Amino acid sequence: MSLDAIATKGAEGPSRANTVKFNVTALLMKWRMKYRGHKELTALSDFMLKDIGISRSQVEQEYTKPFWKN
């Protein structure tokens, strides 16, 4: 069933459609934040990484993970 079909289906439809839209939006925002975090970590110098307790190899390992995975 499409989102349009859910939204036009009685009193329960719009709230269910809004919940689905909210969940999808929240998931996309989470993925975007992870993607940006990966990019920001790779931009840090080795000195800055050492300061926060992360090695370059840990950053590379994290960066190679797809952003949609934990």
PDB file of N, CA and C in Angstrom:
ATOM      1  N   MET A   1       0.846  -1.171   0.000  1.00  0.00           N
ATOM      2  CA  MET A   1       0.000   0.000   0.000  1.00  0.00           C
ATOM      3  C   MET A   1       0.891   1.235   0.000  1.00  0.00           C
ATOM      4  N   SER A   2       0.577   2.182  -0.834  1.00  0.00           N
ATOM      5  CA  SER A   2       1.394   3.392  -0.945  1.00  0.00           C
ATOM      6  C   SER A   2       1.075   4.364   0.184  1.00  0.00           C
ATOM      7  N   LEU A   3       1.952   5.336   0.382  1.00  0.00           N
ATOM      8  CA  LEU A   3       1.710   6.364   1.393  1.00  0.00           C
ATOM      9  C   LEU A   3       0.465   7.172   1.071  1.00  0.00           C
ATOM     10  N   ASP A   4       0.217   7.442  -0.210  1.00  0.00           N
ATOM     11  CA  ASP A   4      -0.985   8.178  -0.598  1.00  0.00           C
ATOM     12  C   ASP A   4      -2.237   7.399  -0.238  1.00  0.00           C
ATOM     13  N   ALA A   5      -2.201   6.089  -0.438  1.00  0.00           N
ATOM     14  CA  ALA A   5      -3.356   5.261  -0.113  1.00  0.00           C
ATOM     15  C   ALA A   5      -3.600   5.252   1.394  1.00  0.00           C
ATOM     16  N   ILE A   6      -2.526   5.211   2.173  1.00  0.00           N
ATOM     17  CA  ILE A   6      -2.661   5.234   3.631  1.00  0.00           C
ATOM     18  C   ILE A   6      -3.216   6.580   4.080  1.00  0.00           C
ATOM     19  N   ALA A   7      -2.715   7.659   3.486  1.00  0.00           N
ATOM     20  CA  ALA A   7      -3.131   9.000   3.888  1.00  0.00           C
ATOM     21  C   ALA A   7      -4.595   9.268   3.587  1.00  0.00           C
ATOM     22  N   THR A   8      -5.160   8.635   2.609  1.00  0.00           N
ATOM     23  CA  THR A   8      -6.553   8.884   2.242  1.00  0.00           C
ATOM     24  C   THR A   8      -7.496   7.857   2.843  1.00  0.00           C
ATOM     25  N   LYS A   9      -7.028   7.001   3.714  1.00  0.00           N
ATOM     26  CA  LYS A   9      -7.818   5.890   4.247  1.00  0.00           C
ATOM     27  C   LYS A   9      -8.333   6.202   5.647  1.00  0.00           C
ATOM     28  N   GLY A  10      -9.390   6.935   5.782  1.00  0.00           N
ATOM     29  CA  GLY A  10     -10.052   7.166   7.057  1.00  0.00           C
ATOM     30  C   GLY A  10      -9.242   7.970   8.050  1.00  0.00           C
ATOM     31  N   ALA A  11      -9.681   7.928   9.314  1.00  0.00           N
ATOM     32  CA  ALA A  11      -9.068   8.734  10.367  1.00  0.00           C
ATOM     33  C   ALA A  11      -7.679   8.225  10.751  1.00  0.00           C
ATOM     34  N   GLU A  12      -7.456   6.929  10.659  1.00  0.00           N
ATOM     35  CA  GLU A  12      -6.162   6.377  11.041  1.00  0.00           C
ATOM     36  C   GLU A  12      -5.090   6.638   9.988  1.00  0.00           C
ATOM     37  N   GLY A  13      -5.488   6.819   8.743  1.00  0.00           N
ATOM     38  CA  GLY A  13      -4.554   6.970   7.639  1.00  0.00           C
ATOM     39  C   GLY A  13      -3.533   8.077   7.798  1.00  0.00           C
ATOM     40  N   PRO A  14      -3.974   9.318   8.007  1.00  0.00           N
ATOM     41  CA  PRO A  14      -2.992  10.405   8.076  1.00  0.00           C
ATOM     42  C   PRO A  14      -1.973  10.237   9.198  1.00  0.00           C
ATOM     43  N   SER A  15      -2.401   9.778  10.357  1.00  0.00           N
ATOM     44  CA  SER A  15      -1.431   9.635  11.440  1.00  0.00           C
ATOM     45  C   SER A  15      -0.424   8.527  11.123  1.00  0.00           C
ATOM     46  N   ARG A  16      -0.861   7.475  10.488  1.00  0.00           N
ATOM     47  CA  ARG A  16       0.045   6.396  10.105  1.00  0.00           C
ATOM     48  C   ARG A  16       1.019   6.887   9.028  1.00  0.00           C
ATOM     49  N   ALA A  17       0.500   7.643   8.067  1.00  0.00           N
ATOM     50  CA  ALA A  17       1.368   8.180   7.018  1.00  0.00           C
ATOM     51  C   ALA A  17       2.374   9.157   7.605  1.00  0.00           C
ATOM     52  N   ASN A  18       1.924   9.972   8.549  1.00  0.00           N
ATOM     53  CA  ASN A  18       2.840  10.922   9.181  1.00  0.00           C
ATOM     54  C   ASN A  18       3.920  10.189   9.970  1.00  0.00           C
ATOM     55  N   THR A  19       3.556   9.099  10.613  1.00  0.00           N
ATOM     56  CA  THR A  19       4.536   8.312  11.359  1.00  0.00           C
ATOM     57  C   THR A  19       5.581   7.727  10.420  1.00  0.00           C
ATOM     58  N   VAL A  20       5.141   7.209   9.300  1.00  0.00           N
ATOM     59  CA  VAL A  20       6.070   6.644   8.315  1.00  0.00           C
ATOM     60  C   VAL A  20       6.994   7.733   7.788  1.00  0.00           C
ATOM     61  N   LYS A  21       6.427   8.879   7.441  1.00  0.00           N
ATOM     62  CA  LYS A  21       7.245   9.987   6.926  1.00  0.00           C
ATOM     63  C   LYS A  21       8.247  10.446   7.979  1.00  0.00           C
ATOM     64  N   PHE A  22       7.803  10.523   9.242  1.00  0.00           N
ATOM     65  CA  PHE A  22       8.698  10.942  10.322  1.00  0.00           C
ATOM     66  C   PHE A  22       9.847   9.946  10.484  1.00  0.00           C
ATOM     67  N   ASN A  23       9.529   8.654  10.483  1.00  0.00           N
ATOM     68  CA  ASN A  23      10.564   7.630  10.645  1.00  0.00           C
ATOM     69  C   ASN A  23      11.567   7.656   9.501  1.00  0.00           C
ATOM     70  N   VAL A  24      11.088   7.830   8.287  1.00  0.00           N
ATOM     71  CA  VAL A  24      11.989   7.891   7.128  1.00  0.00           C
ATOM     72  C   VAL A  24      12.865   9.133   7.221  1.00  0.00           C
ATOM     73  N   THR A  25      12.263  10.257   7.587  1.00  0.00           N
ATOM     74  CA  THR A  25      13.026  11.500   7.720  1.00  0.00           C
ATOM     75  C   THR A  25      14.088  11.363   8.810  1.00  0.00           C
ATOM     76  N   ALA A  26      13.727  10.782   9.942  1.00  0.00           N
ATOM     77  CA  ALA A  26      14.682  10.595  11.036  1.00  0.00           C
ATOM     78  C   ALA A  26      15.832   9.684  10.607  1.00  0.00           C
ATOM     79  N   LEU A  27      15.525   8.634   9.875  1.00  0.00           N
ATOM     80  CA  LEU A  27      16.559   7.717   9.400  1.00  0.00           C
ATOM     81  C   LEU A  27      17.505   8.409   8.429  1.00  0.00           C
ATOM     82  N   LEU A  28      16.952   9.195   7.510  1.00  0.00           N
ATOM     83  CA  LEU A  28      17.794   9.920   6.553  1.00  0.00           C
ATOM     84  C   LEU A  28      18.690  10.931   7.266  1.00  0.00           C
ATOM     85  N   MET A  29      18.160  11.592   8.281  1.00  0.00           N
ATOM     86  CA  MET A  29      18.961  12.556   9.041  1.00  0.00           C
ATOM     87  C   MET A  29      20.095  11.850   9.783  1.00  0.00           C
ATOM     88  N   LYS A  30      19.807  10.677  10.339  1.00  0.00           N
ATOM     89  CA  LYS A  30      20.843   9.906  11.038  1.00  0.00           C
ATOM     90  C   LYS A  30      21.948   9.501  10.076  1.00  0.00           C
ATOM     91  N   TRP A  31      21.552   9.016   8.889  1.00  0.00           N
ATOM     92  CA  TRP A  31      22.544   8.620   7.894  1.00  0.00           C
ATOM     93  C   TRP A  31      23.397   9.804   7.476  1.00  0.00           C
ATOM     94  N   ARG A  32      22.769  10.973   7.308  1.00  0.00           N
ATOM     95  CA  ARG A  32      23.512  12.164   6.887  1.00  0.00           C
ATOM     96  C   ARG A  32      24.521  12.574   7.964  1.00  0.00           C
ATOM     97  N   MET A  33      24.105  12.510   9.230  1.00  0.00           N
ATOM     98  CA  MET A  33      25.020  12.866  10.313  1.00  0.00           C
ATOM     99  C   MET A  33      26.208  11.916  10.367  1.00  0.00           C
ATOM    100  N   LYS A  34      25.958  10.616  10.180  1.00  0.00           N
ATOM    101  CA  LYS A  34      27.057   9.650  10.176  1.00  0.00           C
ATOM    102  C   LYS A  34      27.997   9.899   9.004  1.00  0.00           C
ATOM    103  N   TYR A  35      27.439  10.184   7.836  1.00  0.00           N
ATOM    104  CA  TYR A  35      28.253  10.454   6.657  1.00  0.00           C
ATOM    105  C   TYR A  35      29.131  11.685   6.887  1.00  0.00           C
ATOM    106  N   ARG A  36      28.536  12.737   7.424  1.00  0.00           N
ATOM    107  CA  ARG A  36      29.308  13.953   7.696  1.00  0.00           C
ATOM    108  C   ARG A  36      30.390  13.706   8.735  1.00  0.00           C
ATOM    109  N   GLY A  37      30.053  12.927   9.759  1.00  0.00           N
ATOM    110  CA  GLY A  37      31.038  12.600  10.790  1.00  0.00           C
ATOM    111  C   GLY A  37      32.227  11.852  10.224  1.00  0.00           C
ATOM    112  N   HIS A  38      31.950  10.914   9.329  1.00  0.00           N
ATOM    113  CA  HIS A  38      33.034  10.173   8.667  1.00  0.00           C
ATOM    114  C   HIS A  38      33.941  11.133   7.902  1.00  0.00           C
ATOM    115  N   LYS A  39      33.329  12.046   7.144  1.00  0.00           N
ATOM    116  CA  LYS A  39      34.123  12.996   6.361  1.00  0.00           C
ATOM    117  C   LYS A  39      34.938  13.915   7.255  1.00  0.00           C
ATOM    118  N   GLU A  40      34.345  14.365   8.354  1.00  0.00           N
ATOM    119  CA  GLU A  40      35.056  15.270   9.256  1.00  0.00           C
ATOM    120  C   GLU A  40      36.238  14.576   9.928  1.00  0.00           C
ATOM    121  N   LEU A  41      36.065  13.316  10.293  1.00  0.00           N
ATOM    122  CA  LEU A  41      37.180  12.581  10.907  1.00  0.00           C
ATOM    123  C   LEU A  41      38.353  12.433   9.950  1.00  0.00           C
ATOM    124  N   THR A  42      38.080  12.183   8.686  1.00  0.00           N
ATOM    125  CA  THR A  42      39.179  12.011   7.731  1.00  0.00           C
ATOM    126  C   THR A  42      39.923  13.315   7.491  1.00  0.00           C
ATOM    127  N   ALA A  43      39.279  14.438   7.752  1.00  0.00           N
ATOM    128  CA  ALA A  43      39.914  15.739   7.535  1.00  0.00           C
ATOM    129  C   ALA A  43      40.834  16.146   8.693  1.00  0.00           C
ATOM    130  N   LEU A  44      40.727  15.467   9.828  1.00  0.00           N
ATOM    131  CA  LEU A  44      41.547  15.826  10.984  1.00  0.00           C
ATOM    132  C   LEU A  44      42.992  15.377  10.793  1.00  0.00           C
ATOM    133  N   SER A  45      43.905  16.159  11.360  1.00  0.00           N
ATOM    134  CA  SER A  45      45.325  15.800  11.310  1.00  0.00           C
ATOM    135  C   SER A  45      45.592  14.655  12.288  1.00  0.00           C
ATOM    136  N   ASP A  46      46.726  13.995  12.118  1.00  0.00           N
ATOM    137  CA  ASP A  46      47.104  12.919  13.031  1.00  0.00           C
ATOM    138  C   ASP A  46      47.225  13.430  14.466  1.00  0.00           C
ATOM    139  N   PHE A  47      47.732  14.651  14.617  1.00  0.00           N
ATOM    140  CA  PHE A  47      47.848  15.250  15.950  1.00  0.00           C
ATOM    141  C   PHE A  47      46.474  15.410  16.599  1.00  0.00           C
ATOM    142  N   MET A  48      45.507  15.890  15.828  1.00  0.00           N
ATOM    143  CA  MET A  48      44.156  16.082  16.374  1.00  0.00           C
ATOM    144  C   MET A  48      43.492  14.741  16.697  1.00  0.00           C
ATOM    145  N   LEU A  49      43.719  13.756  15.856  1.00  0.00           N
ATOM    146  CA  LEU A  49      43.169  12.428  16.126  1.00  0.00           C
ATOM    147  C   LEU A  49      43.759  11.856  17.409  1.00  0.00           C
ATOM    148  N   LYS A  50      45.071  12.023  17.582  1.00  0.00           N
ATOM    149  CA  LYS A  50      45.731  11.532  18.794  1.00  0.00           C
ATOM    150  C   LYS A  50      45.156  12.235  20.022  1.00  0.00           C
ATOM    151  N   ASP A  51      44.862  13.508  19.881  1.00  0.00           N
ATOM    152  CA  ASP A  51      44.311  14.293  20.976  1.00  0.00           C
ATOM    153  C   ASP A  51      42.956  13.758  21.435  1.00  0.00           C
ATOM    154  N   ILE A  52      42.167  13.240  20.517  1.00  0.00           N
ATOM    155  CA  ILE A  52      40.853  12.698  20.902  1.00  0.00           C
ATOM    156  C   ILE A  52      40.892  11.184  21.102  1.00  0.00           C
ATOM    157  N   GLY A  53      42.075  10.587  20.958  1.00  0.00           N
ATOM    158  CA  GLY A  53      42.251   9.178  21.260  1.00  0.00           C
ATOM    159  C   GLY A  53      41.857   8.221  20.155  1.00  0.00           C
ATOM    160  N   ILE A  54      41.984   8.663  18.912  1.00  0.00           N
ATOM    161  CA  ILE A  54      41.647   7.817  17.762  1.00  0.00           C
ATOM    162  C   ILE A  54      42.857   7.744  16.840  1.00  0.00           C
ATOM    163  N   SER A  55      43.131   6.561  16.334  1.00  0.00           N
ATOM    164  CA  SER A  55      44.245   6.414  15.396  1.00  0.00           C
ATOM    165  C   SER A  55      43.744   6.585  13.961  1.00  0.00           C
ATOM    166  N   ARG A  56      44.668   6.856  13.069  1.00  0.00           N
ATOM    167  CA  ARG A  56      44.325   7.013  11.652  1.00  0.00           C
ATOM    168  C   ARG A  56      43.724   5.718  11.101  1.00  0.00           C
ATOM    169  N   SER A  57      44.244   4.574  11.546  1.00  0.00           N
ATOM    170  CA  SER A  57      43.706   3.301  11.058  1.00  0.00           C
ATOM    171  C   SER A  57      42.268   3.088  11.526  1.00  0.00           C
ATOM    172  N   GLN A  58      41.942   3.548  12.737  1.00  0.00           N
ATOM    173  CA  GLN A  58      40.559   3.453  13.207  1.00  0.00           C
ATOM    174  C   GLN A  58      39.636   4.328  12.367  1.00  0.00           C
ATOM    175  N   VAL A  59      40.118   5.504  11.997  1.00  0.00           N
ATOM    176  CA  VAL A  59      39.324   6.404  11.152  1.00  0.00           C
ATOM    177  C   VAL A  59      39.098   5.759   9.792  1.00  0.00           C
ATOM    178  N   GLU A  60      40.140   5.199   9.213  1.00  0.00           N
ATOM    179  CA  GLU A  60      40.002   4.558   7.910  1.00  0.00           C
ATOM    180  C   GLU A  60      39.059   3.363   7.973  1.00  0.00           C
ATOM    181  N   GLN A  61      39.143   2.611   9.076  1.00  0.00           N
ATOM    182  CA  GLN A  61      38.249   1.471   9.248  1.00  0.00           C
ATOM    183  C   GLN A  61      36.796   1.939   9.343  1.00  0.00           C
ATOM    184  N   GLU A  62      36.564   3.008  10.072  1.00  0.00           N
ATOM    185  CA  GLU A  62      35.214   3.547  10.205  1.00  0.00           C
ATOM    186  C   GLU A  62      34.724   4.147   8.889  1.00  0.00           C
ATOM    187  N   TYR A  63      35.615   4.821   8.179  1.00  0.00           N
ATOM    188  CA  TYR A  63      35.236   5.483   6.930  1.00  0.00           C
ATOM    189  C   TYR A  63      34.857   4.484   5.842  1.00  0.00           C
ATOM    190  N   THR A  64      35.462   3.300   5.877  1.00  0.00           N
ATOM    191  CA  THR A  64      35.151   2.315   4.840  1.00  0.00           C
ATOM    192  C   THR A  64      33.798   1.636   5.066  1.00  0.00           C
ATOM    193  N   LYS A  65      33.236   1.776   6.269  1.00  0.00           N
ATOM    194  CA  LYS A  65      31.906   1.226   6.523  1.00  0.00           C
ATOM    195  C   LYS A  65      30.870   2.076   5.793  1.00  0.00           C
ATOM    196  N   PRO A  66      29.848   1.452   5.238  1.00  0.00           N
ATOM    197  CA  PRO A  66      28.767   2.244   4.663  1.00  0.00           C
ATOM    198  C   PRO A  66      28.085   3.063   5.762  1.00  0.00           C
ATOM    199  N   PHE A  67      27.692   4.277   5.473  1.00  0.00           N
ATOM    200  CA  PHE A  67      27.126   5.154   6.492  1.00  0.00           C
ATOM    201  C   PHE A  67      25.801   4.655   7.038  1.00  0.00           C
ATOM    202  N   TRP A  68      25.135   3.755   6.324  1.00  0.00           N
ATOM    203  CA  TRP A  68      23.844   3.259   6.810  1.00  0.00           C
ATOM    204  C   TRP A  68      23.996   2.073   7.760  1.00  0.00           C
ATOM    205  N   LYS A  69      25.233   1.602   7.947  1.00  0.00           N
ATOM    206  CA  LYS A  69      25.464   0.513   8.895  1.00  0.00           C
ATOM    207  C   LYS A  69      26.004   1.066  10.203  1.00  0.00           C
ATOM    208  N   ASN A  70      25.746   0.355  11.303  1.00  0.00           N
ATOM    209  CA  ASN A  70      26.233   0.797  12.608  1.00  0.00           C
ATOM    210  C   ASN A  70      27.689   0.524  12.780  1.00  0.00           C
TER     211      ASN A  70
END
